[in-house]
Amino acid sequence: MLSGLLLAGCTSVSPLEQALRLSGNNRVHLEQVLRHYSRIPADSLKYRAACFLIENMPGHGWYEGTELDVYCRWVDSVYAAESYPYRAALHELGLQWPDVCGKLTFHEDIGHLDSTFLITHIDSTFSGAARRPWLQSLTFGDFCEYVLPYRVGHERPRLLYALQDSFYRTNVKGALEYDDSRYDPLLIFHSRPLFAPSSRVVSVFYREHALRAAAMSCQGIAYYCLWRSRLLMCPVATDLIPAYPDRNDRHCWSVMAGDNRVINSREAAANPDKCGKIYRHTFSRHPLPVSTAGEYVPPFFRNPFYEDITRHYGPTSDVRIPCPVSPGLANAYLCVFNDLAWEPVAWARREKGVFHFKDMERGIVYLPVVYQGERVVPLSCPFILHPTGRIESLSPDTNRLQTLRLDRKYPLSHTIQYKNQTFTGVTVEASDHPRFRHADKVGQFGTVSLRQWSSAQISSSRAYRYWRIRSPQQFILAECLPYDTGGNRVLPWGNLSNSLRAAFDNNPLTYVYSDKSDTFTVDFGRPVVLSRVECLLRNDGNAVWPGHWYELLYHDGAEWCSLGVQKAVERWVEFGGVPSGALLWLRDLTEGREERIFTVTNHQVCACGKYQGAW
């Protein structure tokens, strides 16, 4: 994005003049638009709107290429019955596939949009806005940002007023032809079948292959909602988390302009307690890190169309980090731990020997870094920005060592815990008859542990061939471990059926579902005496599992340092010589990618960035 880098380093002239200088031969068209609206005093708002579009135009544009053309024609053919917003969202999805943009030609709007397009667009947008009662109380700034723009993503520019008028007349005119500031125009998205996609997972044609894709992932939903709102002239924006501070992945969702209401309750539920940094995708440009002497800038911070709005979502604090590094480095970043790596989510420029990071969300662990080439170099130890705004450096104290017994590598979600609570009190029955004509109640499961195990002590010393777990509602088992009076596991004889095999395969992520009568029945093939039954319920596979290899690391302010590798023989691992006050990371070297950093306070493991409490 060459124009973005040029504008970032040029501050001696106005943004409008900077944009005009980048327009090349197209400058005559842009100046014609400005002259057109400057002649008539009644067009003063349209002139300001034209200035807004032109000065923020550098960096916006569309892609062209044979591969993209083939893909878009395929989408329009296969999904012809879907609404225009849905197909437009799928078009944008095609640009998300790896390496596709590198083979396409990018055309910047600043050098190609002519005066006829811009004047027609501005006039039709103002005309349409005058007929939409929900826009009458919108500020002019929000109107320019969320209603005026002529594009949503990287689509070829097209005049939208015909589509906008058609959608307005056929879908909302009768319902919204009044002035009610309390009415949320986005509610129509739930009640109008025109906007309901028939499928959230689609087959897309990519490089001569039909691939299944989650078209309605959070990013797909965001583009879909933006297209719907643009055609209805609803002021909607997309907010995003570039990297979760409490788990892997990232997220985006749609909001009303000037408000933080989320489009629907499902999206609201998807937003975590902690976000780290939240940005809004805008049409207007925002400052970028200035790269001096070839200093590396992470990809996210090369896009000028992200506005930091973290302060609108909750309490924040400013963080100042001293700069002990080479004066040649102009920028520093704060990172959160995401997907087994430190991901930058905020930047600050060097000012008087200090990096000043603004509006950082509290209750999160951050690592301040600079880049030497593309290599991340920590400036200091990680730190916790506490909910009170206090900063606590996680500096390891190697003079105070401790021994830790750990049984998880990732915090368990509250959803799994909540769903498994119903297993408490489930009964164990035994019989000599396969249909349990004469069944004895011989045990009852107790409270489900944090590791999602539950145990039932057997009250009978009698031998039975048929045993079952019986519940008033459906349940899911990952493992079922019956024990005899000597403490030895008892397994069913013979080949297990598919409906039973997963409960005895020593794999925490394979499951058996209770049958239609909400029972789980085992035929041991012979009468057996049991002393207890342990069950592992539905879980995330992130508890320490016997047979897996684990490594514990701590951060010393420069890098991760290993405290050793060991094979788990129990449902926990124990490491000695652990420095106090350090940021720790337990790795499962056998399988899995969900791992979280944590600290130990008062002998309690605390998952940083998620919640404070024992795992």
Foldseek 3Di string as FASTA:
>chain_A
DVLLQVVLPDDPDDLLVSLLVVQPPQNVQLVVLLVVQVPDPVSPLLNVLSSQCRSLQPPAWAWDDDQLVVQLVVLCVVVVVAAPLLSVLVSVVLVPPPPPRVRIDTDGPSHDDGNVLSVVLSVLQVVVLVQQQLCPPPDSVLCSKFARDQDLHRDHGDRQSVLLVVCCVPQPCVPRRDHDNVDDVLVSCVVDPNLDDPDQWAFTQGPNDTDIDRCVDQSNVQSSVSVVCNSPRFRKWKKWQPAAQAEADIHIFMDGPPDRDTSDPVVVVVDAPFRFWMWIFISGFAHADNDDPNFDDDPVRSGRRIHTPLVNVDDFDKDKDFAPDDPNFFKKFKFGQHLNDTDGDFMATDDPRIGITPGTDAQFKIFIWGDDDNDTWTPFAIWHCHPVRDIGGLAFDLVDWFKAKAWFFHQWDPVVLVVLQQQFFWWKWFDQDPVPPPIDTFWGWHGQDSQQKIKIFGNDQWWGQKMKTAGPDKFKFQAKFWAAPVRDTQDADDDDDPLCVRRHPQQNQDIHIADPRRMDMDGSVDTGGTGMMMTHGNTDRGTQGAQWKKWKWWDNTGDTDTQDIDGDHDSIDMGISGTASTWMWMDGPPDDRIGFIWHADPNATQGRSHGGGHD
